[in-house]
Protein backbone atom coordinates (compact mmCIF):
# COMPACT_ATOMS: atom_id res chain seq x y z
CA MET A 1 4.92 25.69 -18.06
CA PRO A 2 1.73 27.13 -16.63
CA SER A 3 -0.70 29.00 -18.85
CA GLY A 4 -0.97 32.76 -18.91
CA ARG A 5 -3.66 32.91 -16.22
CA ARG A 6 -3.33 35.86 -13.87
CA PRO A 7 -4.03 35.76 -10.11
CA GLY A 8 -7.75 36.13 -9.54
CA GLN A 9 -8.61 35.41 -13.18
CA ALA A 10 -11.49 32.97 -13.67
CA PHE A 11 -10.57 29.61 -15.13
CA GLU A 12 -12.88 27.60 -17.37
CA VAL A 13 -13.55 24.08 -16.07
CA LYS A 14 -14.27 21.85 -19.03
CA SER A 15 -14.92 18.67 -17.10
CA PHE A 16 -15.99 18.15 -13.52
CA GLY A 17 -14.04 14.86 -13.59
CA ASP A 18 -10.63 16.55 -13.84
CA PRO A 19 -8.77 18.90 -11.45
CA MET A 20 -8.58 22.53 -12.66
CA TYR A 21 -4.77 22.59 -12.33
CA GLU A 22 -4.13 20.06 -15.07
CA ALA A 23 -4.38 22.51 -17.98
CA PHE A 24 -2.75 25.24 -15.97
CA TYR A 25 0.39 23.18 -15.41
CA GLY A 26 0.35 21.41 -18.81
CA LEU A 27 -0.60 18.00 -17.44
CA LYS A 28 -2.46 15.34 -19.35
CA GLN A 29 -3.79 13.66 -16.22
CA ARG A 30 -3.72 13.96 -12.46
CA PRO A 31 -0.20 12.98 -11.30
CA PHE A 32 -0.80 12.37 -7.61
CA SER A 33 -3.94 10.28 -7.27
CA ILE A 34 -3.99 8.01 -4.23
CA VAL A 35 -5.72 5.31 -6.35
CA PRO A 36 -3.09 2.73 -7.37
CA GLN A 37 -2.09 3.13 -11.02
CA ALA A 38 0.41 0.73 -12.57
CA GLU A 39 1.88 3.32 -14.95
CA PHE A 40 2.83 5.58 -12.06
CA LEU A 41 4.77 2.92 -10.10
CA TYR A 42 8.17 4.36 -9.21
CA LEU A 43 10.75 1.75 -8.36
CA THR A 44 13.39 2.81 -5.87
CA GLN A 45 16.25 0.44 -5.17
CA GLN A 46 14.35 -1.15 -2.32
CA HIS A 47 11.28 -1.63 -4.54
CA ARG A 48 13.44 -3.29 -7.16
CA THR A 49 14.91 -5.60 -4.57
CA ALA A 50 11.43 -6.48 -3.22
CA LEU A 51 10.16 -7.11 -6.74
CA SER A 52 13.11 -9.38 -7.57
CA LEU A 53 12.63 -11.37 -4.35
CA LEU A 54 8.88 -11.79 -4.92
CA GLU A 55 9.45 -12.85 -8.52
CA TYR A 56 12.07 -15.30 -7.36
CA GLY A 57 9.61 -16.62 -4.81
CA ILE A 58 7.01 -17.28 -7.54
CA LEU A 59 9.46 -18.93 -9.93
CA LYS A 60 11.34 -20.93 -7.29
CA PRO A 61 8.60 -21.73 -6.31
CA SER A 62 8.04 -20.71 -2.63
CA VAL A 63 4.82 -21.81 -0.93
CA PHE A 64 4.67 -18.57 1.09
CA SER A 65 6.02 -15.13 0.25
CA LEU A 66 5.57 -12.08 2.49
CA ILE A 67 5.60 -8.35 1.74
CA THR A 68 5.02 -5.94 4.58
CA GLY A 69 5.21 -2.19 5.17
CA ASP A 70 3.44 0.69 6.83
CA ILE A 71 0.16 2.01 5.45
CA GLY A 72 0.63 3.67 2.05
CA THR A 73 4.10 2.39 1.20
CA GLY A 74 2.95 0.72 -2.05
CA LYS A 75 2.76 -2.96 -1.09
CA SER A 76 -0.37 -3.87 -3.07
CA THR A 77 0.72 -1.83 -6.11
CA LEU A 78 4.07 -3.66 -6.14
CA VAL A 79 2.37 -7.08 -6.06
CA ARG A 80 0.00 -6.08 -8.85
CA HIS A 81 2.99 -5.03 -10.93
CA LEU A 82 4.66 -8.37 -10.23
CA LEU A 83 1.64 -10.36 -11.34
CA ALA A 84 1.25 -8.25 -14.49
CA ARG A 85 4.88 -9.00 -15.36
CA LEU A 86 4.28 -12.77 -14.98
CA GLY A 87 1.49 -12.59 -17.51
CA GLY A 88 -0.73 -15.47 -18.61
CA SER A 89 1.35 -18.25 -17.15
CA VAL A 90 -0.10 -17.62 -13.68
CA SER A 91 -3.63 -17.99 -12.44
CA VAL A 92 -4.24 -15.38 -9.70
CA GLY A 93 -6.82 -15.09 -6.95
CA VAL A 94 -7.00 -12.16 -4.58
CA ILE A 95 -8.50 -12.01 -1.10
CA GLY A 96 -8.70 -8.39 -0.10
CA ASN A 97 -11.37 -8.46 2.58
CA THR A 98 -9.70 -9.78 5.75
CA HIS A 99 -11.54 -7.64 8.32
CA LYS A 100 -12.43 -8.87 11.83
CA ALA A 101 -15.60 -10.54 10.52
CA PHE A 102 -13.53 -12.52 8.00
CA GLY A 103 -15.33 -15.83 7.66
CA GLU A 104 -14.50 -19.22 6.18
CA LEU A 105 -11.11 -19.11 4.49
CA LEU A 106 -11.99 -21.83 1.99
CA GLU A 107 -15.08 -19.90 0.86
CA TRP A 108 -12.98 -16.77 0.26
CA SER A 109 -10.30 -18.82 -1.52
CA LEU A 110 -12.80 -20.46 -3.90
CA GLN A 111 -14.46 -17.08 -4.54
CA ALA A 112 -11.05 -15.54 -5.34
CA PHE A 113 -10.58 -18.04 -8.16
CA GLY A 114 -14.18 -17.81 -9.37
CA LEU A 115 -15.06 -21.30 -8.10
CA ASP A 116 -18.47 -22.33 -6.75
CA PHE A 117 -18.64 -22.71 -2.96
CA ARG A 118 -22.38 -22.45 -2.32
CA GLY A 119 -24.02 -25.28 -0.40
CA LYS A 120 -20.74 -27.09 0.20
CA ASP A 121 -19.14 -28.09 3.47
CA LYS A 122 -15.44 -27.74 4.20
CA VAL A 123 -14.49 -31.16 2.86
CA GLU A 124 -16.32 -30.52 -0.40
CA MET A 125 -14.86 -27.02 -0.73
CA PHE A 126 -11.36 -28.36 -0.19
CA GLN A 127 -11.99 -30.98 -2.90
CA VAL A 128 -13.14 -28.25 -5.35
CA LEU A 129 -9.98 -26.28 -4.63
CA SER A 130 -7.77 -29.38 -5.00
CA ASN A 131 -9.36 -30.28 -8.34
CA TYR A 132 -8.84 -26.77 -9.62
CA LEU A 133 -5.17 -26.77 -8.56
CA MET A 134 -4.60 -30.09 -10.24
CA HIS A 135 -6.33 -28.88 -13.42
CA GLU A 136 -3.98 -25.85 -13.57
CA PHE A 137 -0.96 -27.97 -12.79
CA VAL A 138 -1.70 -30.28 -15.70
CA LYS A 139 -1.82 -27.19 -17.96
CA ASN A 140 1.57 -26.17 -16.52
CA ARG A 141 0.14 -23.02 -14.91
CA ARG A 142 1.14 -21.73 -11.53
CA VAL A 143 -1.64 -20.75 -9.10
CA VAL A 144 -1.05 -17.76 -6.81
CA LEU A 145 -3.33 -16.63 -4.00
CA VAL A 146 -2.72 -13.07 -2.83
CA VAL A 147 -4.00 -12.29 0.67
CA ASP A 148 -4.08 -8.53 1.19
CA GLU A 149 -4.37 -6.84 4.60
CA ALA A 150 -3.28 -10.13 6.10
CA GLN A 151 -2.48 -8.46 9.43
CA ASN A 152 -6.21 -8.70 10.17
CA MET A 153 -6.27 -12.50 10.03
CA SER A 154 -6.62 -14.39 13.26
CA ILE A 155 -4.15 -17.04 14.37
CA ASP A 156 -6.72 -19.68 13.53
CA ALA A 157 -7.23 -18.25 10.00
CA LEU A 158 -3.48 -18.16 9.38
CA GLU A 159 -3.19 -21.78 10.49
CA GLU A 160 -6.05 -22.75 8.21
CA LEU A 161 -4.21 -21.01 5.38
CA ARG A 162 -1.15 -23.10 6.11
CA MET A 163 -3.26 -26.26 5.88
CA VAL A 164 -4.82 -25.12 2.59
CA SER A 165 -1.30 -24.70 1.16
CA ASN A 166 -0.56 -28.37 1.69
CA VAL A 167 -1.99 -29.53 -1.65
CA ASN A 168 0.89 -31.07 -3.58
CA VAL A 169 1.82 -33.65 -6.21
CA ASP A 170 5.08 -35.41 -5.37
CA ARG A 171 7.46 -32.55 -4.59
CA HIS A 172 5.35 -29.91 -6.42
CA HIS A 173 3.26 -27.58 -4.31
CA LEU A 174 0.23 -26.58 -6.32
CA LEU A 175 -0.68 -23.38 -4.51
CA GLN A 176 1.59 -20.41 -3.80
CA ILE A 177 0.48 -17.71 -1.39
CA ILE A 178 1.64 -14.09 -1.12
CA LEU A 179 0.79 -12.43 2.18
CA VAL A 180 0.55 -8.65 2.00
CA GLY A 181 0.22 -6.74 5.26
CA GLN A 182 1.11 -3.93 7.58
CA THR A 183 4.06 -4.05 9.97
CA ARG A 184 2.06 -5.69 12.76
CA LEU A 185 1.73 -8.81 10.57
CA ARG A 186 5.45 -9.44 11.10
CA GLU A 187 4.88 -9.06 14.85
CA LYS A 188 2.01 -11.50 14.74
CA LEU A 189 4.08 -14.08 12.82
CA ARG A 190 6.64 -14.05 15.64
CA LEU A 191 4.08 -15.39 18.11
CA PRO A 192 4.91 -18.89 19.42
CA ALA A 193 1.61 -20.19 18.11
CA LEU A 194 2.66 -19.25 14.55
CA GLN A 195 6.29 -20.45 14.51
CA GLN A 196 5.47 -23.44 12.30
CA PHE A 197 3.74 -21.03 9.83
CA ALA A 198 6.55 -18.47 9.94
CA GLN A 199 9.18 -21.15 9.15
CA ARG A 200 7.43 -21.84 5.87
CA ILE A 201 7.84 -18.28 4.58
CA GLU A 202 10.78 -18.57 2.22
CA THR A 203 10.72 -15.09 0.65
CA GLU A 204 9.98 -11.88 2.49
CA PHE A 205 10.64 -8.14 2.34
CA HIS A 206 9.68 -5.09 4.41
CA LEU A 207 9.05 -1.84 2.50
CA ARG A 208 10.25 1.32 4.22
CA PRO A 209 9.15 4.93 3.54
CA LEU A 210 11.13 6.78 0.85
CA ALA A 211 14.35 8.57 1.73
CA VAL A 212 14.43 12.33 1.16
CA ASP A 213 16.40 12.04 -2.10
CA ASP A 214 13.93 9.45 -3.40
CA VAL A 215 10.99 11.81 -2.80
CA GLU A 216 12.31 14.33 -5.37
CA SER A 217 12.83 11.58 -7.91
CA TYR A 218 9.40 10.14 -7.14
CA VAL A 219 7.70 13.50 -7.62
CA ARG A 220 9.55 14.22 -10.90
CA TYR A 221 8.73 10.74 -12.26
CA ARG A 222 5.02 11.03 -11.61
CA LEU A 223 4.86 14.50 -13.12
CA LYS A 224 6.66 13.19 -16.25
CA ILE A 225 4.23 10.27 -16.61
CA ALA A 226 1.35 12.79 -16.23
CA GLY A 227 2.71 14.76 -19.18
CA SER A 228 4.65 17.56 -17.52
CA LEU A 229 7.46 19.05 -19.60
CA ASP A 230 8.71 21.06 -16.64
CA GLY A 231 11.14 18.97 -14.64
CA ASP A 232 11.45 21.70 -11.99
CA LEU A 233 7.72 22.25 -11.31
CA PHE A 234 8.41 21.12 -7.70
CA THR A 235 11.66 22.61 -6.42
CA ALA A 236 14.24 20.52 -4.51
CA ASP A 237 13.51 22.44 -1.30
CA ALA A 238 9.77 21.85 -1.75
CA CYS A 239 10.41 18.10 -2.05
CA LYS A 240 12.42 18.17 1.19
CA ALA A 241 9.51 19.87 2.93
CA ILE A 242 7.11 17.27 1.43
CA HIS A 243 9.31 14.51 2.83
CA ARG A 244 9.17 16.14 6.26
CA ILE A 245 5.41 16.36 6.25
CA SER A 246 4.70 12.95 4.69
CA ARG A 247 7.50 11.08 6.42
CA GLY A 248 8.34 9.59 2.99
CA VAL A 249 5.12 7.52 2.71
CA PRO A 250 4.15 7.51 -0.98
CA ARG A 251 0.38 7.81 -0.41
CA LEU A 252 0.91 10.80 1.85
CA ILE A 253 3.35 12.34 -0.63
CA ASN A 254 0.54 12.14 -3.18
CA LEU A 255 -1.90 13.83 -0.81
CA VAL A 256 0.50 16.72 -0.09
CA CYS A 257 1.54 17.17 -3.71
CA ASP A 258 -2.04 17.13 -5.02
CA THR A 259 -3.05 19.78 -2.49
CA ALA A 260 0.07 21.82 -3.32
CA LEU A 261 -0.93 21.90 -7.02
CA VAL A 262 -4.35 23.24 -6.06
CA TYR A 263 -2.67 25.94 -3.93
CA GLY A 264 -0.28 26.76 -6.76
CA PHE A 265 -3.13 26.99 -9.28
CA ALA A 266 -5.19 29.26 -6.98
CA ALA A 267 -2.24 31.66 -6.66
CA ALA A 268 -1.14 31.30 -10.32
CA ARG A 269 2.30 30.13 -9.18
CA ALA A 270 4.64 28.85 -11.88
CA ARG A 271 6.60 26.76 -9.37
CA ILE A 272 5.71 24.78 -6.28
CA ASP A 273 8.41 25.96 -3.92
CA ASN A 274 9.24 25.59 -0.23
CA ASP A 275 7.29 28.77 0.67
CA LEU A 276 4.14 27.36 -0.85
CA ILE A 277 4.54 24.03 0.94
CA ASP A 278 5.13 25.81 4.24
CA GLU A 279 2.01 27.95 3.65
CA LEU A 280 -0.02 24.81 2.96
CA ASP A 281 1.40 23.11 6.05
CA ARG A 282 0.57 26.13 8.25
CA ASP A 283 -2.98 26.18 6.94
CA LYS A 284 -3.43 22.51 7.79
CA ARG A 285 -1.97 23.02 11.27
CA ASP A 286 -4.33 25.98 11.83
CA GLN A 287 -7.23 23.75 10.81
CA GLY A 288 -6.30 21.13 13.38
CA GLY A 289 -3.50 19.32 11.55
CA TRP A 290 -3.19 16.81 8.72
CA LEU A 291 -5.71 14.01 9.08
CA PHE A 292 -2.96 11.42 8.58
CA ASP A 293 -1.02 12.67 11.62
CA PRO A 294 -1.63 10.49 14.71
CA VAL A 295 -3.38 12.07 17.68
CA LYS A 296 -0.75 12.98 20.23
CA ASP A 297 -3.04 13.73 23.18
CA THR A 298 -2.61 11.20 25.98
CA PRO A 299 -5.93 9.42 26.66
CA VAL A 300 -7.39 9.37 30.16
CA LYS A 301 -7.41 5.81 31.54
CA ASN A 302 -9.31 4.56 34.57
CA GLY A 303 -10.09 8.07 35.74
CA PHE A 304 -6.46 9.16 35.93
CA GLU A 305 -4.27 11.23 33.62
CA PRO A 306 -0.43 11.33 33.64
CA VAL A 307 1.15 14.47 35.03
CA GLU A 308 4.84 13.75 34.69
CA ASN A 309 7.27 10.90 34.57
CA ILE A 310 10.29 10.41 36.85
CA GLY A 311 12.43 7.74 35.30
CA LYS A 312 9.96 5.02 34.34
CA VAL A 313 7.56 5.58 37.23
CA PRO A 314 4.51 7.77 36.30
CA ILE A 315 2.98 10.07 38.84
CA LEU A 316 -0.78 10.22 38.38
CA ARG A 317 -3.54 12.52 39.61
CA ALA A 318 -7.30 12.06 39.43
CA ALA A 319 -8.85 13.53 36.30
CA SER A 320 -11.34 16.30 36.95
């Protein structure tokens, strides 16, 4: 339960590293940080299914596994949880920097495993990687390369990744690769030029935003992990409003809930209810809207702007 603070009463801040509302709501830590934290991972049924499929892909083993979802749906956190569960029997490398200037794949792969790539050409780098994979294989250790934000990879880079995966001993593939990316990665993998690559993906799952009932369970779970003894701090109606604003995306749920706790603290509210969430939402709309909402204005193209649509044929007029 909140402390006895009255509206307008000053509140002592003991540490600039912690939000003021923690003590007010009896929390031991911040429950809705957007920084991934393993202890806060809430597994819905779809997350359990995704986790089981990915674990099966590692143990099977599959050469390629794929996990996709919109921004903020918890893809990377889920993969980290999987790798933590597998423990010391797996050697893991992570490539998380696949922006448009993404360079030599072999360099990034060697760097991910802490291997030296400096001053080596492609053939030499491939030999270093092969030697490492063989060394781990002899020790009966699996080697997993996680490629995060893989939707940014070019067709050529994805094809190079397929070639890198071809290191094997007899029927044993020595390198397993988990691709993690946004929805457009799935669209890219359907391109004719990548059909050979796509056919090698044996395990895949697409994470969807949380359903409205899952949002309430998600909020309650995170509050409990953060030390809350009040299971009804966020009312059921408030959680429905949070689902509407966030569209069920976990990262956005965290943003809304964190801001709601600040609002609740400022007004000395014992509960975060629907009225408070509506007030918060109105304030954001008055300030130009939530930053995570896409811009809905239609851009002007080639000096013309759309006026109306009749069927599928747009009528245009010159922009002033």
